[in-house]
């Protein structure tokens, strides 16, 4: 795996982790870390990220033509994204800006 791909994978996992922690704190009342349900969702999503054959080309999972998540997990991650996405700019603005830059850079590279 090249450095760009490693960095992109690590960044995607970091964003996902922060979104899940925000969701879990606000919805499940967990102060530090993740509850078992959110932890399982994080592990599942990280496994999918690690095995993604399109990681180098894709911008975001939501833009992917292949839906590798099972229906139940897809619904759960959508719920987390819908809740945490708008709030991330308040809690982690630099992470969001970096995520947007990585997305734009990936899109430019593969257009």
N, C-alpha and C. Protein backbone atom coordinates (compact mmCIF):
# COMPACT_ATOMS: atom_id res chain seq x y z
N UNK A 1 0.86 -1.18 0.00
CA UNK A 1 0.00 0.00 0.00
C UNK A 1 0.91 1.24 0.00
N UNK A 2 0.61 2.19 -0.90
CA UNK A 2 1.45 3.39 -0.95
C UNK A 2 1.08 4.36 0.17
N UNK A 3 1.93 5.35 0.36
CA UNK A 3 1.73 6.31 1.47
C UNK A 3 0.42 7.06 1.37
N UNK A 4 0.04 7.48 0.15
CA UNK A 4 -1.22 8.20 -0.04
C UNK A 4 -2.40 7.34 0.40
N UNK A 5 -2.38 6.09 -0.02
CA UNK A 5 -3.48 5.17 0.31
C UNK A 5 -3.53 4.89 1.81
N UNK A 6 -2.38 4.70 2.43
CA UNK A 6 -2.33 4.48 3.88
C UNK A 6 -2.86 5.69 4.63
N UNK A 7 -2.44 6.87 4.22
CA UNK A 7 -2.89 8.10 4.88
C UNK A 7 -4.39 8.30 4.68
N UNK A 8 -4.88 8.03 3.49
CA UNK A 8 -6.30 8.19 3.20
C UNK A 8 -7.14 7.22 4.03
N UNK A 9 -6.68 5.98 4.11
CA UNK A 9 -7.39 4.96 4.90
C UNK A 9 -7.41 5.35 6.38
N UNK A 10 -6.27 5.77 6.90
CA UNK A 10 -6.19 6.18 8.31
C UNK A 10 -7.08 7.39 8.57
N UNK A 11 -7.09 8.34 7.65
CA UNK A 11 -7.91 9.54 7.81
C UNK A 11 -9.39 9.18 7.78
N UNK A 12 -9.78 8.30 6.88
CA UNK A 12 -11.18 7.90 6.80
C UNK A 12 -11.63 7.21 8.09
N UNK A 13 -10.77 6.38 8.65
CA UNK A 13 -11.09 5.71 9.92
C UNK A 13 -11.17 6.71 11.06
N UNK A 14 -10.29 7.71 11.04
CA UNK A 14 -10.30 8.72 12.09
C UNK A 14 -11.60 9.53 12.04
N UNK A 15 -12.00 9.95 10.86
CA UNK A 15 -13.25 10.70 10.69
C UNK A 15 -14.42 9.85 11.17
N UNK A 16 -14.45 8.60 10.74
CA UNK A 16 -15.52 7.69 11.13
C UNK A 16 -15.57 7.54 12.65
N UNK A 17 -14.40 7.37 13.27
CA UNK A 17 -14.33 7.23 14.72
C UNK A 17 -14.86 8.45 15.45
N UNK A 18 -14.48 9.62 14.97
CA UNK A 18 -14.96 10.86 15.60
C UNK A 18 -16.47 11.03 15.44
N UNK A 19 -16.98 10.67 14.26
CA UNK A 19 -18.42 10.77 14.04
C UNK A 19 -19.18 9.81 14.95
N UNK A 20 -18.65 8.60 15.09
CA UNK A 20 -19.29 7.62 15.97
C UNK A 20 -19.20 8.03 17.43
N UNK A 21 -18.06 8.59 17.86
CA UNK A 21 -17.93 9.04 19.24
C UNK A 21 -18.91 10.18 19.54
N UNK A 22 -19.05 11.09 18.61
CA UNK A 22 -20.01 12.19 18.77
C UNK A 22 -21.43 11.65 18.87
N UNK A 23 -21.79 10.74 17.98
CA UNK A 23 -23.12 10.14 17.99
C UNK A 23 -23.37 9.39 19.29
N UNK A 24 -22.39 8.57 19.69
CA UNK A 24 -22.53 7.74 20.89
C UNK A 24 -22.64 8.61 22.15
N UNK A 25 -21.86 9.68 22.20
CA UNK A 25 -21.92 10.59 23.35
C UNK A 25 -23.29 11.26 23.44
N UNK A 26 -23.80 11.73 22.32
CA UNK A 26 -25.06 12.47 22.32
C UNK A 26 -26.29 11.57 22.40
N UNK A 27 -26.23 10.41 21.77
CA UNK A 27 -27.41 9.53 21.71
C UNK A 27 -27.43 8.44 22.77
N UNK A 28 -26.25 7.95 23.15
CA UNK A 28 -26.18 6.84 24.10
C UNK A 28 -25.61 7.25 25.45
N UNK A 29 -25.18 8.50 25.59
CA UNK A 29 -24.69 9.00 26.87
C UNK A 29 -23.32 8.50 27.28
N UNK A 30 -22.56 7.95 26.35
CA UNK A 30 -21.22 7.45 26.66
C UNK A 30 -20.25 8.63 26.67
N UNK A 31 -19.58 8.83 27.79
CA UNK A 31 -18.68 9.98 27.94
C UNK A 31 -17.35 9.80 27.21
N UNK A 32 -16.80 8.59 27.26
CA UNK A 32 -15.50 8.34 26.67
C UNK A 32 -15.54 7.03 25.90
N UNK A 33 -15.15 7.04 24.65
CA UNK A 33 -15.14 5.82 23.86
C UNK A 33 -16.48 5.55 23.21
N UNK A 34 -16.75 4.27 22.97
CA UNK A 34 -17.97 3.85 22.29
C UNK A 34 -18.69 2.77 23.08
N UNK A 35 -20.00 2.78 22.99
CA UNK A 35 -20.79 1.69 23.57
C UNK A 35 -20.57 0.44 22.71
N UNK A 36 -20.98 -0.74 23.18
CA UNK A 36 -20.77 -1.96 22.40
C UNK A 36 -21.38 -1.90 20.99
N UNK A 37 -22.57 -1.32 20.87
CA UNK A 37 -23.22 -1.24 19.55
C UNK A 37 -22.42 -0.36 18.58
N UNK A 38 -22.00 0.80 19.06
CA UNK A 38 -21.21 1.71 18.22
C UNK A 38 -19.82 1.14 17.95
N UNK A 39 -19.25 0.45 18.93
CA UNK A 39 -17.96 -0.20 18.75
C UNK A 39 -18.01 -1.26 17.67
N UNK A 40 -19.10 -2.03 17.66
CA UNK A 40 -19.28 -3.06 16.63
C UNK A 40 -19.43 -2.43 15.25
N UNK A 41 -20.16 -1.33 15.17
CA UNK A 41 -20.33 -0.63 13.90
C UNK A 41 -18.99 -0.08 13.41
N UNK A 42 -18.19 0.46 14.32
CA UNK A 42 -16.87 0.98 13.96
C UNK A 42 -15.97 -0.15 13.44
N UNK A 43 -15.96 -1.27 14.13
CA UNK A 43 -15.13 -2.41 13.70
C UNK A 43 -15.58 -2.91 12.33
N UNK A 44 -16.88 -2.99 12.12
CA UNK A 44 -17.43 -3.43 10.84
C UNK A 44 -17.00 -2.48 9.72
N UNK A 45 -17.19 -1.18 9.95
CA UNK A 45 -16.85 -0.18 8.94
C UNK A 45 -15.35 -0.15 8.65
N UNK A 46 -14.53 -0.28 9.68
CA UNK A 46 -13.08 -0.31 9.47
C UNK A 46 -12.66 -1.51 8.64
N UNK A 47 -13.31 -2.64 8.88
CA UNK A 47 -13.04 -3.82 8.07
C UNK A 47 -13.37 -3.58 6.61
N UNK A 48 -14.47 -2.91 6.36
CA UNK A 48 -14.88 -2.58 4.98
C UNK A 48 -13.89 -1.60 4.35
N UNK A 49 -13.45 -0.62 5.13
CA UNK A 49 -12.48 0.36 4.62
C UNK A 49 -11.17 -0.35 4.26
N UNK A 50 -10.72 -1.25 5.13
CA UNK A 50 -9.46 -1.98 4.88
C UNK A 50 -9.52 -2.83 3.62
N UNK A 51 -10.68 -3.37 3.30
CA UNK A 51 -10.82 -4.25 2.15
C UNK A 51 -11.39 -3.56 0.90
N UNK A 52 -11.56 -2.26 0.95
CA UNK A 52 -12.18 -1.55 -0.16
C UNK A 52 -11.26 -1.55 -1.39
N UNK A 53 -11.73 -2.13 -2.51
CA UNK A 53 -10.91 -2.14 -3.72
C UNK A 53 -10.89 -0.78 -4.44
N UNK A 54 -11.75 0.13 -4.03
CA UNK A 54 -11.86 1.43 -4.69
C UNK A 54 -11.28 2.57 -3.86
N UNK A 55 -10.60 2.26 -2.78
CA UNK A 55 -10.13 3.29 -1.85
C UNK A 55 -9.28 4.35 -2.56
N UNK A 56 -8.46 3.95 -3.50
CA UNK A 56 -7.58 4.90 -4.16
C UNK A 56 -8.37 5.90 -5.01
N UNK A 57 -9.45 5.45 -5.64
CA UNK A 57 -10.20 6.30 -6.57
C UNK A 57 -11.37 7.03 -5.94
N UNK A 58 -11.98 6.45 -4.91
CA UNK A 58 -13.25 6.99 -4.41
C UNK A 58 -13.05 8.24 -3.55
N UNK A 59 -14.11 9.03 -3.46
CA UNK A 59 -14.08 10.18 -2.57
C UNK A 59 -14.72 9.80 -1.25
N UNK A 60 -15.99 9.42 -1.29
CA UNK A 60 -16.72 9.04 -0.08
C UNK A 60 -17.49 7.76 -0.36
N UNK A 61 -17.73 6.97 0.67
CA UNK A 61 -18.49 5.73 0.50
C UNK A 61 -19.88 6.00 -0.07
N UNK A 62 -20.47 7.11 0.32
CA UNK A 62 -21.82 7.43 -0.15
C UNK A 62 -21.86 7.65 -1.66
N UNK A 63 -20.72 7.97 -2.27
CA UNK A 63 -20.66 8.20 -3.71
C UNK A 63 -20.31 6.93 -4.48
N UNK A 64 -20.04 5.85 -3.78
CA UNK A 64 -19.63 4.60 -4.40
C UNK A 64 -20.82 3.89 -5.05
N UNK A 65 -20.54 3.25 -6.20
CA UNK A 65 -21.59 2.52 -6.90
C UNK A 65 -21.84 1.14 -6.29
N UNK A 66 -20.85 0.63 -5.56
CA UNK A 66 -20.95 -0.68 -4.94
C UNK A 66 -21.32 -0.49 -3.47
N UNK A 67 -22.38 -1.14 -3.05
CA UNK A 67 -22.79 -1.05 -1.64
C UNK A 67 -22.31 -2.31 -0.92
N UNK A 68 -21.17 -2.19 -0.26
CA UNK A 68 -20.57 -3.36 0.38
C UNK A 68 -21.11 -3.60 1.79
N UNK A 69 -21.78 -2.61 2.37
CA UNK A 69 -22.35 -2.77 3.70
C UNK A 69 -23.64 -3.58 3.59
N UNK A 70 -23.88 -4.44 4.58
CA UNK A 70 -25.16 -5.11 4.67
C UNK A 70 -26.25 -4.08 4.96
N UNK A 71 -27.48 -4.39 4.65
CA UNK A 71 -28.58 -3.43 4.79
C UNK A 71 -28.70 -2.85 6.20
N UNK A 72 -28.61 -3.71 7.22
CA UNK A 72 -28.74 -3.24 8.61
C UNK A 72 -27.62 -2.27 8.98
N UNK A 73 -26.39 -2.64 8.65
CA UNK A 73 -25.25 -1.78 8.96
C UNK A 73 -25.28 -0.50 8.13
N UNK A 74 -25.74 -0.59 6.89
CA UNK A 74 -25.86 0.60 6.06
C UNK A 74 -26.83 1.59 6.68
N UNK A 75 -27.95 1.07 7.17
CA UNK A 75 -28.93 1.95 7.82
C UNK A 75 -28.36 2.59 9.08
N UNK A 76 -27.60 1.80 9.85
CA UNK A 76 -26.99 2.33 11.08
C UNK A 76 -25.98 3.43 10.76
N UNK A 77 -25.12 3.18 9.77
CA UNK A 77 -24.09 4.17 9.46
C UNK A 77 -24.72 5.43 8.87
N UNK A 78 -25.79 5.28 8.10
CA UNK A 78 -26.50 6.45 7.57
C UNK A 78 -27.07 7.29 8.71
N UNK A 79 -27.62 6.63 9.71
CA UNK A 79 -28.17 7.34 10.87
C UNK A 79 -27.08 8.14 11.58
N UNK A 80 -25.93 7.50 11.77
CA UNK A 80 -24.79 8.17 12.42
C UNK A 80 -24.34 9.36 11.58
N UNK A 81 -24.20 9.16 10.27
CA UNK A 81 -23.72 10.23 9.38
C UNK A 81 -24.69 11.41 9.35
N UNK A 82 -25.97 11.10 9.29
CA UNK A 82 -26.97 12.18 9.26
C UNK A 82 -26.94 13.01 10.54
N UNK A 83 -26.73 12.34 11.66
CA UNK A 83 -26.68 13.05 12.93
C UNK A 83 -25.35 13.80 13.10
N UNK A 84 -24.25 13.09 12.90
CA UNK A 84 -22.94 13.65 13.22
C UNK A 84 -22.39 14.57 12.15
N UNK A 85 -22.72 14.31 10.90
CA UNK A 85 -22.16 15.11 9.80
C UNK A 85 -22.28 16.61 10.00
N UNK A 86 -23.48 17.13 10.20
CA UNK A 86 -23.62 18.57 10.38
C UNK A 86 -22.95 19.09 11.65
N UNK A 87 -22.82 18.26 12.67
CA UNK A 87 -22.24 18.68 13.94
C UNK A 87 -20.71 18.63 13.94
N UNK A 88 -20.14 17.91 13.01
CA UNK A 88 -18.69 17.77 12.97
C UNK A 88 -17.99 19.11 12.77
N UNK A 89 -18.59 20.01 12.03
CA UNK A 89 -17.97 21.31 11.80
C UNK A 89 -17.84 22.09 13.12
N UNK A 90 -18.75 21.85 14.04
CA UNK A 90 -18.68 22.52 15.35
C UNK A 90 -17.64 21.87 16.27
N UNK A 91 -17.57 20.55 16.24
CA UNK A 91 -16.72 19.82 17.17
C UNK A 91 -15.31 19.54 16.64
N UNK A 92 -15.19 19.35 15.33
CA UNK A 92 -13.89 19.00 14.72
C UNK A 92 -13.71 19.73 13.39
N UNK A 93 -13.69 21.06 13.40
CA UNK A 93 -13.63 21.80 12.13
C UNK A 93 -12.39 21.50 11.28
N UNK A 94 -11.23 21.35 11.90
CA UNK A 94 -10.01 21.08 11.13
C UNK A 94 -10.06 19.71 10.46
N UNK A 95 -10.62 18.75 11.15
CA UNK A 95 -10.77 17.41 10.59
C UNK A 95 -11.70 17.44 9.38
N UNK A 96 -12.77 18.20 9.47
CA UNK A 96 -13.72 18.32 8.36
C UNK A 96 -13.06 19.00 7.16
N UNK A 97 -12.32 20.05 7.41
CA UNK A 97 -11.64 20.76 6.32
C UNK A 97 -10.63 19.84 5.64
N UNK A 98 -9.86 19.11 6.45
CA UNK A 98 -8.89 18.17 5.88
C UNK A 98 -9.61 17.10 5.07
N UNK A 99 -10.73 16.61 5.56
CA UNK A 99 -11.51 15.59 4.85
C UNK A 99 -11.99 16.13 3.50
N UNK A 100 -12.42 17.37 3.48
CA UNK A 100 -12.87 17.98 2.23
C UNK A 100 -11.71 18.13 1.24
N UNK A 101 -10.55 18.50 1.74
CA UNK A 101 -9.37 18.65 0.87
C UNK A 101 -8.97 17.30 0.28
N UNK A 102 -8.95 16.27 1.11
CA UNK A 102 -8.61 14.92 0.63
C UNK A 102 -9.62 14.49 -0.43
N UNK A 103 -10.89 14.76 -0.20
CA UNK A 103 -11.92 14.41 -1.18
C UNK A 103 -11.73 15.14 -2.49
N UNK A 104 -11.44 16.42 -2.43
CA UNK A 104 -11.21 17.20 -3.66
C UNK A 104 -9.95 16.73 -4.38
N UNK A 105 -8.90 16.46 -3.63
CA UNK A 105 -7.65 16.00 -4.22
C UNK A 105 -7.86 14.65 -4.92
N UNK A 106 -8.60 13.76 -4.28
CA UNK A 106 -8.87 12.45 -4.87
C UNK A 106 -9.69 12.61 -6.14
N UNK A 107 -10.68 13.46 -6.10
CA UNK A 107 -11.55 13.69 -7.26
C UNK A 107 -10.74 14.26 -8.43
N UNK A 108 -9.84 15.23 -8.15
CA UNK A 108 -9.02 15.83 -9.21
C UNK A 108 -8.08 14.81 -9.83
N UNK A 109 -7.49 13.97 -9.00
CA UNK A 109 -6.54 12.97 -9.46
C UNK A 109 -7.18 11.97 -10.41
N UNK A 110 -8.46 11.68 -10.19
CA UNK A 110 -9.10 10.61 -10.96
C UNK A 110 -10.16 11.10 -11.92
N UNK A 111 -10.20 12.39 -12.20
CA UNK A 111 -11.14 12.91 -13.20
C UNK A 111 -10.53 12.87 -14.58
